[in-house]
Amino acid sequence: MSVRIRERIRAAGKRYHANDNIAAFIEPGELEQLLDEVQEKMSGVLESLVIDTESDHNTRETARRVAKMYVHEIFRGRYAAQPPVTEFPNAEGLNELMIVGPITVRSACSHHLCPIIGKLWIGLMPNQDSNLIGLSKYVRLADWIMSRPQIQEEAVTQVANLLQEKTRPDGLAVVMEADHFCMHWRGVKDMDSTMTNSVMRGAFLTDPTLRREFLSLLEKRR
């Protein structure tokens, strides 16, 4: 199944990096077949790790559980279509700073497939032509982007690009602070380090007063 999906993507001249969404190339019923394939391959990984999945009751269904976790949960942002978002016109001409967050986000490092868990804040400066979306939709869109293997710097940019497209504001700011288990769990095993990065667009980039207001309000919410 993965071969057929991959061939469609290549025929369309599209890429399929770890943090890309490929839902458009998966036909009805094929996701379950892909899950079966992942289960089979994961069984081979466990076998190569010399883990007895036949007599060990704890690992007998591990391959299936891991396959379902990857396809339907932690990497679902690759295989599921973008969640529906109802957009409303800015009928009242709102043009004041809006802040959404902290949004809890969960992802996985594409280098080691270790968890990335953190908080996301979104700042918006709408204009009369902006679209307004429901508060819960910010969470759904962020989760859709984050549920893929990736690095934090690219994930924040993808969130910003999607929100820019949906809302068309005068200014957009996205800040993410997260723990990276590829540092906590392996390698240097530093439990205290976090990573914070931001994307500033429009008025947040050109107006230092607005940027300071956003960052100061954000700090009070941490």
N, C-alpha and C. Protein backbone atom coordinates (compact mmCIF):
# COMPACT_ATOMS: atom_id res chain seq x y z
N MET A 1 0.82 -1.20 0.00
CA MET A 1 0.00 0.00 0.00
C MET A 1 0.86 1.26 0.00
N SER A 2 1.93 1.25 0.77
CA SER A 2 2.79 2.44 0.82
C SER A 2 3.40 2.72 -0.55
N VAL A 3 3.70 1.66 -1.32
CA VAL A 3 4.26 1.84 -2.66
C VAL A 3 3.26 2.54 -3.57
N ARG A 4 2.00 2.12 -3.52
CA ARG A 4 0.98 2.74 -4.38
C ARG A 4 0.77 4.21 -4.03
N ILE A 5 0.73 4.51 -2.73
CA ILE A 5 0.55 5.90 -2.30
C ILE A 5 1.75 6.74 -2.71
N ARG A 6 2.93 6.17 -2.53
CA ARG A 6 4.16 6.89 -2.89
C ARG A 6 4.20 7.17 -4.39
N GLU A 7 3.79 6.22 -5.19
CA GLU A 7 3.79 6.40 -6.65
C GLU A 7 2.84 7.52 -7.07
N ARG A 8 1.68 7.62 -6.41
CA ARG A 8 0.74 8.70 -6.73
C ARG A 8 1.36 10.07 -6.41
N ILE A 9 2.02 10.14 -5.26
CA ILE A 9 2.63 11.41 -4.85
C ILE A 9 3.71 11.82 -5.84
N ARG A 10 4.55 10.88 -6.22
CA ARG A 10 5.63 11.19 -7.17
C ARG A 10 5.08 11.56 -8.54
N ALA A 11 4.01 10.88 -8.97
CA ALA A 11 3.41 11.19 -10.27
C ALA A 11 2.85 12.60 -10.29
N ALA A 12 2.40 13.08 -9.12
CA ALA A 12 1.86 14.44 -9.02
C ALA A 12 2.95 15.49 -8.83
N GLY A 13 4.20 15.04 -8.71
CA GLY A 13 5.30 15.97 -8.52
C GLY A 13 5.32 16.62 -7.15
N LYS A 14 4.73 15.96 -6.18
CA LYS A 14 4.68 16.50 -4.82
C LYS A 14 5.70 15.80 -3.94
N ARG A 15 6.02 16.44 -2.84
CA ARG A 15 6.95 15.83 -1.89
C ARG A 15 6.16 15.15 -0.77
N TYR A 16 6.84 14.28 -0.03
CA TYR A 16 6.19 13.59 1.08
C TYR A 16 7.14 13.52 2.26
N HIS A 17 7.67 14.69 2.64
CA HIS A 17 8.53 14.78 3.81
C HIS A 17 7.74 14.40 5.06
N ALA A 18 8.47 14.19 6.15
CA ALA A 18 7.83 13.72 7.38
C ALA A 18 6.73 14.66 7.86
N ASN A 19 6.89 15.98 7.64
CA ASN A 19 5.89 16.93 8.13
C ASN A 19 4.91 17.39 7.06
N ASP A 20 4.82 16.65 5.95
CA ASP A 20 3.85 16.96 4.90
C ASP A 20 2.56 16.19 5.12
N ASN A 21 1.45 16.78 4.70
CA ASN A 21 0.16 16.08 4.71
C ASN A 21 -0.03 15.40 3.36
N ILE A 22 -0.35 14.12 3.37
CA ILE A 22 -0.51 13.36 2.13
C ILE A 22 -1.93 12.78 2.00
N ALA A 23 -2.88 13.36 2.72
CA ALA A 23 -4.25 12.82 2.73
C ALA A 23 -4.86 12.79 1.33
N ALA A 24 -4.51 13.74 0.48
CA ALA A 24 -5.11 13.81 -0.85
C ALA A 24 -4.74 12.62 -1.73
N PHE A 25 -3.71 11.88 -1.33
CA PHE A 25 -3.24 10.76 -2.15
C PHE A 25 -3.64 9.41 -1.57
N ILE A 26 -4.47 9.43 -0.53
CA ILE A 26 -4.94 8.20 0.10
C ILE A 26 -6.42 8.02 -0.21
N GLU A 27 -6.78 6.91 -0.83
CA GLU A 27 -8.16 6.66 -1.22
C GLU A 27 -8.91 5.95 -0.10
N PRO A 28 -10.25 6.01 -0.13
CA PRO A 28 -11.05 5.37 0.93
C PRO A 28 -10.67 3.91 1.14
N GLY A 29 -10.49 3.53 2.39
CA GLY A 29 -10.15 2.16 2.74
C GLY A 29 -8.67 1.86 2.76
N GLU A 30 -7.86 2.74 2.18
CA GLU A 30 -6.43 2.44 2.08
C GLU A 30 -5.67 2.70 3.38
N LEU A 31 -6.20 3.58 4.22
CA LEU A 31 -5.49 3.87 5.47
C LEU A 31 -5.41 2.65 6.36
N GLU A 32 -6.46 1.85 6.38
CA GLU A 32 -6.43 0.63 7.18
C GLU A 32 -5.44 -0.39 6.60
N GLN A 33 -5.35 -0.42 5.28
CA GLN A 33 -4.36 -1.30 4.65
C GLN A 33 -2.94 -0.82 4.96
N LEU A 34 -2.76 0.50 4.99
CA LEU A 34 -1.45 1.04 5.37
C LEU A 34 -1.13 0.69 6.81
N LEU A 35 -2.13 0.74 7.68
CA LEU A 35 -1.93 0.37 9.08
C LEU A 35 -1.48 -1.09 9.19
N ASP A 36 -2.10 -1.98 8.40
CA ASP A 36 -1.70 -3.39 8.41
C ASP A 36 -0.24 -3.55 7.98
N GLU A 37 0.15 -2.75 7.00
CA GLU A 37 1.54 -2.83 6.52
C GLU A 37 2.51 -2.34 7.60
N VAL A 38 2.15 -1.24 8.26
CA VAL A 38 3.01 -0.72 9.34
C VAL A 38 3.13 -1.75 10.46
N GLN A 39 2.02 -2.42 10.77
CA GLN A 39 2.05 -3.46 11.80
C GLN A 39 3.03 -4.57 11.41
N GLU A 40 2.98 -4.99 10.17
CA GLU A 40 3.88 -6.05 9.71
C GLU A 40 5.34 -5.61 9.81
N LYS A 41 5.60 -4.38 9.37
CA LYS A 41 6.99 -3.88 9.44
C LYS A 41 7.44 -3.70 10.88
N MET A 42 6.55 -3.27 11.76
CA MET A 42 6.90 -3.09 13.16
C MET A 42 7.17 -4.44 13.83
N SER A 43 6.48 -5.46 13.41
CA SER A 43 6.77 -6.81 13.92
C SER A 43 8.20 -7.21 13.58
N GLY A 44 8.64 -6.83 12.36
CA GLY A 44 10.02 -7.11 11.96
C GLY A 44 11.02 -6.35 12.80
N VAL A 45 10.69 -5.09 13.16
CA VAL A 45 11.58 -4.31 14.03
C VAL A 45 11.73 -4.98 15.39
N LEU A 46 10.61 -5.41 15.96
CA LEU A 46 10.66 -6.08 17.26
C LEU A 46 11.45 -7.38 17.19
N GLU A 47 11.28 -8.09 16.08
CA GLU A 47 12.02 -9.33 15.90
C GLU A 47 13.52 -9.05 15.82
N SER A 48 13.90 -7.98 15.10
CA SER A 48 15.31 -7.63 14.97
C SER A 48 15.90 -7.15 16.29
N LEU A 49 15.04 -6.64 17.16
CA LEU A 49 15.49 -6.23 18.50
C LEU A 49 15.54 -7.41 19.46
N VAL A 50 15.27 -8.60 18.95
CA VAL A 50 15.29 -9.84 19.72
C VAL A 50 14.30 -9.76 20.89
N ILE A 51 13.10 -9.29 20.58
CA ILE A 51 12.02 -9.26 21.56
C ILE A 51 11.02 -10.36 21.21
N ASP A 52 10.76 -11.21 22.16
CA ASP A 52 9.85 -12.35 21.96
C ASP A 52 8.42 -11.86 22.03
N THR A 53 7.75 -11.78 20.89
CA THR A 53 6.36 -11.31 20.87
C THR A 53 5.37 -12.47 20.85
N GLU A 54 5.88 -13.68 20.92
CA GLU A 54 4.98 -14.84 20.93
C GLU A 54 4.66 -15.30 22.34
N SER A 55 5.68 -15.47 23.18
CA SER A 55 5.42 -15.95 24.53
C SER A 55 5.35 -14.83 25.56
N ASP A 56 5.78 -13.61 25.20
CA ASP A 56 5.70 -12.48 26.12
C ASP A 56 4.34 -11.81 25.94
N HIS A 57 3.47 -11.96 26.94
CA HIS A 57 2.11 -11.42 26.82
C HIS A 57 2.10 -9.90 26.74
N ASN A 58 3.16 -9.23 27.23
CA ASN A 58 3.20 -7.77 27.21
C ASN A 58 3.47 -7.21 25.81
N THR A 59 4.11 -7.98 24.97
CA THR A 59 4.50 -7.47 23.64
C THR A 59 3.77 -8.18 22.50
N ARG A 60 2.85 -9.08 22.84
CA ARG A 60 2.20 -9.88 21.80
C ARG A 60 1.44 -8.99 20.81
N GLU A 61 0.82 -7.92 21.28
CA GLU A 61 0.05 -7.02 20.42
C GLU A 61 0.73 -5.66 20.23
N THR A 62 1.99 -5.59 20.59
CA THR A 62 2.68 -4.30 20.53
C THR A 62 2.77 -3.74 19.12
N ALA A 63 3.06 -4.58 18.15
CA ALA A 63 3.19 -4.10 16.76
C ALA A 63 1.90 -3.44 16.29
N ARG A 64 0.76 -4.04 16.62
CA ARG A 64 -0.53 -3.47 16.22
C ARG A 64 -0.80 -2.17 16.95
N ARG A 65 -0.49 -2.17 18.25
CA ARG A 65 -0.72 -0.95 19.03
C ARG A 65 0.13 0.20 18.51
N VAL A 66 1.38 -0.07 18.21
CA VAL A 66 2.27 0.98 17.71
C VAL A 66 1.81 1.48 16.35
N ALA A 67 1.41 0.57 15.48
CA ALA A 67 0.92 0.95 14.16
C ALA A 67 -0.29 1.87 14.27
N LYS A 68 -1.25 1.52 15.12
CA LYS A 68 -2.44 2.35 15.32
C LYS A 68 -2.06 3.71 15.91
N MET A 69 -1.11 3.70 16.83
CA MET A 69 -0.67 4.96 17.44
C MET A 69 -0.07 5.89 16.40
N TYR A 70 0.79 5.36 15.53
CA TYR A 70 1.41 6.20 14.50
C TYR A 70 0.39 6.72 13.49
N VAL A 71 -0.43 5.84 12.96
CA VAL A 71 -1.32 6.21 11.85
C VAL A 71 -2.51 7.03 12.32
N HIS A 72 -3.11 6.66 13.46
CA HIS A 72 -4.36 7.30 13.88
C HIS A 72 -4.18 8.35 14.98
N GLU A 73 -2.99 8.42 15.56
CA GLU A 73 -2.82 9.36 16.66
C GLU A 73 -1.66 10.32 16.44
N ILE A 74 -0.45 9.91 16.77
CA ILE A 74 0.63 10.89 16.84
C ILE A 74 1.10 11.39 15.47
N PHE A 75 0.85 10.64 14.39
CA PHE A 75 1.20 11.12 13.04
C PHE A 75 -0.05 11.35 12.18
N ARG A 76 -1.21 11.46 12.80
CA ARG A 76 -2.44 11.54 12.01
C ARG A 76 -2.50 12.80 11.15
N GLY A 77 -1.74 13.84 11.53
CA GLY A 77 -1.71 15.06 10.73
C GLY A 77 -1.14 14.85 9.33
N ARG A 78 -0.50 13.72 9.10
CA ARG A 78 -0.01 13.38 7.76
C ARG A 78 -1.10 12.75 6.91
N TYR A 79 -1.98 12.00 7.56
CA TYR A 79 -2.91 11.14 6.82
C TYR A 79 -4.35 11.64 6.82
N ALA A 80 -4.68 12.56 7.71
CA ALA A 80 -6.05 13.09 7.80
C ALA A 80 -6.14 14.43 7.08
N ALA A 81 -7.28 14.67 6.45
CA ALA A 81 -7.50 15.96 5.80
C ALA A 81 -7.60 17.07 6.84
N GLN A 82 -7.35 18.28 6.40
CA GLN A 82 -7.44 19.43 7.30
C GLN A 82 -8.82 19.49 7.95
N PRO A 83 -8.89 19.71 9.27
CA PRO A 83 -10.20 19.77 9.92
C PRO A 83 -11.01 20.95 9.39
N PRO A 84 -12.33 20.78 9.29
CA PRO A 84 -13.16 21.88 8.78
C PRO A 84 -13.13 23.08 9.71
N VAL A 85 -13.08 24.26 9.13
CA VAL A 85 -13.03 25.50 9.91
C VAL A 85 -14.04 26.47 9.33
N THR A 86 -14.99 26.88 10.15
CA THR A 86 -15.97 27.88 9.72
C THR A 86 -15.36 29.27 9.92
N GLU A 87 -15.36 30.05 8.86
CA GLU A 87 -14.80 31.39 8.92
C GLU A 87 -15.93 32.41 8.88
N PHE A 88 -15.81 33.44 9.74
CA PHE A 88 -16.83 34.48 9.83
C PHE A 88 -16.23 35.82 9.41
N PRO A 89 -16.99 36.65 8.73
CA PRO A 89 -16.47 37.98 8.39
C PRO A 89 -16.33 38.84 9.64
N ASN A 90 -15.41 39.75 9.61
CA ASN A 90 -15.18 40.66 10.74
C ASN A 90 -16.19 41.80 10.65
N ALA A 91 -17.46 41.48 10.96
CA ALA A 91 -18.57 42.42 10.76
C ALA A 91 -18.42 43.68 11.61
N GLU A 92 -17.83 43.57 12.81
CA GLU A 92 -17.68 44.72 13.69
C GLU A 92 -16.37 45.47 13.47
N GLY A 93 -15.59 45.02 12.50
CA GLY A 93 -14.33 45.70 12.20
C GLY A 93 -13.34 45.67 13.35
N LEU A 94 -13.27 44.54 14.05
CA LEU A 94 -12.34 44.42 15.19
C LEU A 94 -10.90 44.63 14.73
N ASN A 95 -10.17 45.44 15.48
CA ASN A 95 -8.78 45.71 15.12
C ASN A 95 -7.89 45.82 16.35
N GLU A 96 -8.25 45.06 17.39
CA GLU A 96 -7.46 45.03 18.61
C GLU A 96 -6.75 43.69 18.73
N LEU A 97 -5.68 43.72 19.51
CA LEU A 97 -4.86 42.51 19.70
C LEU A 97 -5.68 41.38 20.31
N MET A 98 -5.57 40.19 19.70
CA MET A 98 -6.18 38.97 20.22
C MET A 98 -5.06 37.97 20.52
N ILE A 99 -5.17 37.30 21.65
CA ILE A 99 -4.18 36.28 22.01
C ILE A 99 -4.92 34.99 22.35
N VAL A 100 -4.48 33.89 21.75
CA VAL A 100 -5.03 32.57 22.04
C VAL A 100 -3.90 31.71 22.61
N GLY A 101 -4.15 31.10 23.75
CA GLY A 101 -3.15 30.22 24.34
C GLY A 101 -3.13 30.33 25.86
N PRO A 102 -2.36 29.47 26.49
CA PRO A 102 -1.49 28.47 25.87
C PRO A 102 -2.27 27.25 25.36
N ILE A 103 -1.93 26.82 24.17
CA ILE A 103 -2.48 25.60 23.58
C ILE A 103 -1.46 24.49 23.80
N THR A 104 -1.87 23.41 24.43
CA THR A 104 -0.96 22.28 24.61
C THR A 104 -0.79 21.56 23.27
N VAL A 105 0.45 21.38 22.85
CA VAL A 105 0.72 20.72 21.58
C VAL A 105 1.65 19.54 21.80
N ARG A 106 1.47 18.52 20.96
CA ARG A 106 2.27 17.30 21.05
C ARG A 106 2.73 16.93 19.65
N SER A 107 4.00 16.62 19.53
CA SER A 107 4.54 16.25 18.23
C SER A 107 5.63 15.21 18.46
N ALA A 108 6.43 14.96 17.42
CA ALA A 108 7.53 14.02 17.52
C ALA A 108 8.70 14.53 16.70
N CYS A 109 9.87 14.43 17.24
CA CYS A 109 11.08 14.85 16.54
C CYS A 109 11.32 13.91 15.35
N SER A 110 11.49 14.48 14.17
CA SER A 110 11.69 13.64 12.99
C SER A 110 13.07 13.01 12.95
N HIS A 111 13.97 13.42 13.85
CA HIS A 111 15.31 12.82 13.89
C HIS A 111 15.31 11.48 14.64
N HIS A 112 14.57 11.43 15.77
CA HIS A 112 14.58 10.22 16.60
C HIS A 112 13.19 9.69 16.91
N LEU A 113 12.14 10.39 16.43
CA LEU A 113 10.75 10.03 16.73
C LEU A 113 10.46 10.05 18.22
N CYS A 114 11.17 10.92 18.95
CA CYS A 114 10.91 11.11 20.37
C CYS A 114 9.88 12.24 20.54
N PRO A 115 9.14 12.24 21.64
CA PRO A 115 8.09 13.24 21.83
C PRO A 115 8.62 14.67 21.93
N ILE A 116 7.82 15.60 21.41
CA ILE A 116 7.96 17.03 21.65
C ILE A 116 6.65 17.48 22.26
N ILE A 117 6.68 18.00 23.47
CA ILE A 117 5.47 18.40 24.17
C ILE A 117 5.64 19.81 24.70
N GLY A 118 4.70 20.69 24.39
CA GLY A 118 4.87 22.06 24.83
C GLY A 118 3.60 22.88 24.74
N LYS A 119 3.79 24.20 24.72
CA LYS A 119 2.70 25.16 24.68
C LYS A 119 2.86 26.09 23.48
N LEU A 120 1.73 26.51 22.94
CA LEU A 120 1.72 27.39 21.77
C LEU A 120 0.83 28.60 22.08
N TRP A 121 1.33 29.79 21.71
CA TRP A 121 0.55 31.01 21.85
C TRP A 121 0.42 31.66 20.48
N ILE A 122 -0.76 32.20 20.22
CA ILE A 122 -1.05 32.84 18.93
C ILE A 122 -1.53 34.26 19.18
N GLY A 123 -0.93 35.22 18.49
CA GLY A 123 -1.37 36.60 18.56
C GLY A 123 -1.88 37.05 17.20
N LEU A 124 -3.02 37.73 17.19
CA LEU A 124 -3.62 38.19 15.95
C LEU A 124 -3.98 39.67 16.05
N MET A 125 -3.70 40.41 15.00
CA MET A 125 -4.16 41.78 14.85
C MET A 125 -5.06 41.81 13.62
N PRO A 126 -6.37 41.65 13.80
CA PRO A 126 -7.27 41.57 12.65
C PRO A 126 -7.50 42.93 12.00
N ASN A 127 -8.04 42.90 10.80
CA ASN A 127 -8.48 44.12 10.14
C ASN A 127 -9.90 43.88 9.63
N GLN A 128 -10.48 44.87 8.98
CA GLN A 128 -11.87 44.75 8.56
C GLN A 128 -12.10 43.66 7.52
N ASP A 129 -11.02 43.24 6.84
CA ASP A 129 -11.15 42.19 5.83
C ASP A 129 -10.76 40.81 6.36
N SER A 130 -10.37 40.74 7.62
CA SER A 130 -9.95 39.46 8.20
C SER A 130 -11.13 38.52 8.39
N ASN A 131 -10.83 37.24 8.35
CA ASN A 131 -11.80 36.22 8.74
C ASN A 131 -11.59 35.90 10.21
N LEU A 132 -12.68 35.68 10.92
CA LEU A 132 -12.61 35.26 12.32
C LEU A 132 -12.99 33.79 12.39
N ILE A 133 -12.26 33.04 13.20
CA ILE A 133 -12.57 31.62 13.38
C ILE A 133 -12.80 31.34 14.86
N GLY A 134 -13.54 30.28 15.14
CA GLY A 134 -13.86 29.94 16.52
C GLY A 134 -12.62 29.59 17.32
N LEU A 135 -12.67 29.83 18.62
CA LEU A 135 -11.52 29.62 19.49
C LEU A 135 -11.02 28.18 19.41
N SER A 136 -11.94 27.21 19.40
CA SER A 136 -11.52 25.81 19.37
C SER A 136 -10.81 25.44 18.07
N LYS A 137 -11.08 26.21 17.02
CA LYS A 137 -10.48 25.89 15.72
C LYS A 137 -8.98 26.16 15.71
N TYR A 138 -8.53 27.12 16.51
CA TYR A 138 -7.09 27.35 16.63
C TYR A 138 -6.42 26.08 17.18
N VAL A 139 -7.09 25.47 18.15
CA VAL A 139 -6.55 24.25 18.76
C VAL A 139 -6.54 23.12 17.74
N ARG A 140 -7.63 22.97 17.00
CA ARG A 140 -7.72 21.88 16.01
C ARG A 140 -6.68 22.04 14.91
N LEU A 141 -6.51 23.26 14.41
CA LEU A 141 -5.54 23.48 13.34
C LEU A 141 -4.11 23.27 13.83
N ALA A 142 -3.82 23.76 15.04
CA ALA A 142 -2.48 23.55 15.60
C ALA A 142 -2.20 22.07 15.81
N ASP A 143 -3.18 21.34 16.32
CA ASP A 143 -3.00 19.91 16.55
C ASP A 143 -2.78 19.17 15.23
N TRP A 144 -3.51 19.57 14.18
CA TRP A 144 -3.36 18.94 12.87
C TRP A 144 -1.94 19.12 12.32
N ILE A 145 -1.39 20.31 12.49
CA ILE A 145 -0.02 20.57 12.04
C ILE A 145 0.98 19.82 12.91
N MET A 146 0.77 19.84 14.22
CA MET A 146 1.78 19.28 15.13
C MET A 146 1.80 17.76 15.13
N SER A 147 0.71 17.12 14.71
CA SER A 147 0.65 15.65 14.74
C SER A 147 1.38 15.04 13.54
N ARG A 148 2.66 15.37 13.45
CA ARG A 148 3.52 14.87 12.39
C ARG A 148 4.96 14.83 12.92
N PRO A 149 5.82 13.98 12.36
CA PRO A 149 7.23 14.04 12.75
C PRO A 149 7.85 15.29 12.14
N GLN A 150 8.57 16.08 12.94
CA GLN A 150 9.11 17.34 12.42
C GLN A 150 10.08 17.95 13.42
N ILE A 151 10.60 19.11 13.06
CA ILE A 151 11.38 19.90 14.01
C ILE A 151 10.55 21.12 14.38
N GLN A 152 10.78 21.64 15.56
CA GLN A 152 9.93 22.69 16.10
C GLN A 152 9.94 23.95 15.23
N GLU A 153 11.12 24.31 14.72
CA GLU A 153 11.22 25.53 13.92
C GLU A 153 10.30 25.49 12.71
N GLU A 154 10.24 24.35 12.03
CA GLU A 154 9.39 24.22 10.85
C GLU A 154 7.92 24.12 11.24
N ALA A 155 7.63 23.48 12.37
CA ALA A 155 6.24 23.32 12.81
C ALA A 155 5.61 24.68 13.08
N VAL A 156 6.32 25.57 13.77
CA VAL A 156 5.78 26.89 14.08
C VAL A 156 5.53 27.68 12.80
N THR A 157 6.41 27.55 11.83
CA THR A 157 6.22 28.24 10.55
C THR A 157 5.00 27.70 9.83
N GLN A 158 4.78 26.39 9.87
CA GLN A 158 3.60 25.81 9.23
C GLN A 158 2.31 26.29 9.89
N VAL A 159 2.31 26.38 11.21
CA VAL A 159 1.13 26.90 11.92
C VAL A 159 0.87 28.34 11.50
N ALA A 160 1.91 29.14 11.44
CA ALA A 160 1.77 30.55 11.05
C ALA A 160 1.25 30.66 9.62
N ASN A 161 1.78 29.85 8.71
CA ASN A 161 1.33 29.91 7.31
C ASN A 161 -0.15 29.57 7.19
N LEU A 162 -0.59 28.55 7.93
CA LEU A 162 -1.99 28.12 7.85
C LEU A 162 -2.92 29.19 8.42
N LEU A 163 -2.55 29.77 9.57
CA LEU A 163 -3.39 30.80 10.18
C LEU A 163 -3.40 32.08 9.34
N GLN A 164 -2.28 32.40 8.72
CA GLN A 164 -2.23 33.56 7.84
C GLN A 164 -3.21 33.39 6.68
N GLU A 165 -3.23 32.18 6.13
CA GLU A 165 -4.13 31.88 5.01
C GLU A 165 -5.59 31.94 5.43
N LYS A 166 -5.89 31.44 6.65
CA LYS A 166 -7.27 31.36 7.10
C LYS A 166 -7.83 32.70 7.54
N THR A 167 -7.02 33.53 8.21
CA THR A 167 -7.55 34.73 8.86
C THR A 167 -7.17 36.03 8.15
N ARG A 168 -6.09 36.05 7.40
CA ARG A 168 -5.62 37.25 6.67
C ARG A 168 -5.58 38.49 7.58
N PRO A 169 -4.83 38.42 8.67
CA PRO A 169 -4.78 39.55 9.60
C PRO A 169 -3.74 40.59 9.17
N ASP A 170 -3.75 41.74 9.85
CA ASP A 170 -2.68 42.73 9.67
C ASP A 170 -1.38 42.23 10.29
N GLY A 171 -1.52 41.47 11.36
CA GLY A 171 -0.34 40.94 12.05
C GLY A 171 -0.62 39.58 12.64
N LEU A 172 0.40 38.74 12.67
CA LEU A 172 0.27 37.39 13.22
C LEU A 172 1.55 37.04 13.96
N ALA A 173 1.40 36.49 15.15
CA ALA A 173 2.54 36.04 15.94
C ALA A 173 2.26 34.65 16.48
N VAL A 174 3.25 33.78 16.39
CA VAL A 174 3.15 32.43 16.95
C VAL A 174 4.41 32.16 17.76
N VAL A 175 4.22 31.76 19.01
CA VAL A 175 5.34 31.43 19.90
C VAL A 175 5.12 30.02 20.45
N MET A 176 6.17 29.22 20.44
CA MET A 176 6.08 27.87 20.97
C MET A 176 7.24 27.60 21.92
N GLU A 177 6.91 27.00 23.06
CA GLU A 177 7.92 26.57 24.03
C GLU A 177 7.68 25.10 24.31
N ALA A 178 8.72 24.27 24.17
CA ALA A 178 8.49 22.83 24.27
C ALA A 178 9.68 22.09 24.87
N ASP A 179 9.34 20.94 25.45
CA ASP A 179 10.34 19.98 25.91
C ASP A 179 10.60 18.98 24.79
N HIS A 180 11.86 18.65 24.61
CA HIS A 180 12.24 17.71 23.56
C HIS A 180 12.84 16.46 24.22
N PHE A 181 12.14 15.35 24.05
CA PHE A 181 12.58 14.13 24.72
C PHE A 181 13.80 13.51 24.05
N CYS A 182 14.16 13.99 22.86
CA CYS A 182 15.42 13.53 22.27
C CYS A 182 16.61 14.09 23.06
N MET A 183 16.37 15.15 23.86
CA MET A 183 17.39 15.64 24.79
C MET A 183 17.19 15.08 26.20
N HIS A 184 15.92 14.92 26.61
CA HIS A 184 15.65 14.46 27.97
C HIS A 184 15.94 12.98 28.15
N TRP A 185 15.63 12.20 27.12
CA TRP A 185 15.56 10.74 27.22
C TRP A 185 16.83 10.06 26.73
N ARG A 186 17.56 10.74 25.85
CA ARG A 186 18.75 10.15 25.22
C ARG A 186 19.82 11.25 25.10
N GLY A 187 20.92 10.89 24.48
CA GLY A 187 21.96 11.89 24.24
C GLY A 187 22.47 12.52 25.52
N VAL A 188 22.36 13.85 25.62
CA VAL A 188 22.88 14.56 26.79
C VAL A 188 22.03 14.31 28.04
N LYS A 189 20.76 13.87 27.86
CA LYS A 189 19.85 13.58 28.97
C LYS A 189 19.72 14.78 29.92
N ASP A 190 19.51 15.95 29.32
CA ASP A 190 19.31 17.18 30.09
C ASP A 190 17.81 17.38 30.27
N MET A 191 17.35 17.29 31.51
CA MET A 191 15.93 17.34 31.80
C MET A 191 15.38 18.76 31.90
N ASP A 192 16.25 19.78 31.96
CA ASP A 192 15.79 21.14 32.23
C ASP A 192 15.70 22.02 30.98
N SER A 193 16.32 21.62 29.89
CA SER A 193 16.34 22.46 28.71
C SER A 193 15.01 22.42 27.97
N THR A 194 14.58 23.59 27.52
CA THR A 194 13.43 23.70 26.64
C THR A 194 13.84 24.53 25.42
N MET A 195 13.00 24.52 24.41
CA MET A 195 13.25 25.32 23.22
C MET A 195 12.07 26.26 23.02
N THR A 196 12.37 27.54 22.79
CA THR A 196 11.35 28.53 22.50
C THR A 196 11.68 29.20 21.18
N ASN A 197 10.71 29.28 20.30
CA ASN A 197 10.93 30.03 19.06
C ASN A 197 9.64 30.70 18.63
N SER A 198 9.77 31.68 17.74
CA SER A 198 8.62 32.48 17.36
C SER A 198 8.65 32.81 15.88
N VAL A 199 7.47 33.11 15.36
CA VAL A 199 7.30 33.63 14.01
C VAL A 199 6.48 34.90 14.12
N MET A 200 6.98 35.99 13.58
CA MET A 200 6.29 37.27 13.59
C MET A 200 5.99 37.69 12.16
N ARG A 201 4.75 38.08 11.90
CA ARG A 201 4.35 38.50 10.56
C ARG A 201 3.65 39.86 10.63
N GLY A 202 3.77 40.62 9.57
CA GLY A 202 3.04 41.86 9.43
C GLY A 202 3.34 42.85 10.54
N ALA A 203 2.28 43.34 11.19
CA ALA A 203 2.42 44.39 12.20
C ALA A 203 3.28 43.97 13.37
N PHE A 204 3.30 42.68 13.72
CA PHE A 204 4.14 42.22 14.82
C PHE A 204 5.63 42.34 14.46
N LEU A 205 5.91 42.31 13.19
CA LEU A 205 7.30 42.42 12.73
C LEU A 205 7.74 43.87 12.61
N THR A 206 6.82 44.74 12.21
CA THR A 206 7.18 46.13 11.92
C THR A 206 6.89 47.08 13.07
N ASP A 207 6.03 46.70 14.00
CA ASP A 207 5.65 47.58 15.11
C ASP A 207 6.21 47.03 16.41
N PRO A 208 7.33 47.58 16.91
CA PRO A 208 7.94 47.05 18.14
C PRO A 208 7.04 47.21 19.36
N THR A 209 6.18 48.24 19.38
CA THR A 209 5.28 48.44 20.52
C THR A 209 4.26 47.31 20.61
N LEU A 210 3.70 46.93 19.47
CA LEU A 210 2.75 45.82 19.43
C LEU A 210 3.43 44.52 19.82
N ARG A 211 4.63 44.32 19.32
CA ARG A 211 5.35 43.09 19.64
C ARG A 211 5.63 43.01 21.14
N ARG A 212 6.03 44.12 21.75
CA ARG A 212 6.29 44.13 23.20
C ARG A 212 5.01 43.87 23.98
N GLU A 213 3.89 44.45 23.53
CA GLU A 213 2.62 44.22 24.22
C GLU A 213 2.26 42.74 24.18
N PHE A 214 2.38 42.13 23.01
CA PHE A 214 2.07 40.71 22.88
C PHE A 214 2.96 39.87 23.78
N LEU A 215 4.25 40.10 23.74
CA LEU A 215 5.19 39.28 24.52
C LEU A 215 5.00 39.50 26.02
N SER A 216 4.66 40.72 26.43
CA SER A 216 4.45 40.96 27.86
C SER A 216 3.18 40.28 28.35
N LEU A 217 2.11 40.33 27.55
CA LEU A 217 0.87 39.63 27.92
C LEU A 217 1.06 38.13 27.91
N LEU A 218 1.85 37.65 26.95
CA LEU A 218 2.14 36.22 26.88
C LEU A 218 2.87 35.77 28.14
N GLU A 219 3.83 36.56 28.59
CA GLU A 219 4.62 36.21 29.76
C GLU A 219 3.73 36.05 30.99
N LYS A 220 2.68 36.86 31.10
CA LYS A 220 1.77 36.79 32.26
C LYS A 220 0.94 35.51 32.22
N ARG A 221 0.80 34.90 31.03
CA ARG A 221 -0.02 33.69 30.88
C ARG A 221 0.79 32.43 31.07
N ARG A 222 2.08 32.54 31.18
CA ARG A 222 2.91 31.33 31.31
C ARG A 222 2.82 30.77 32.72
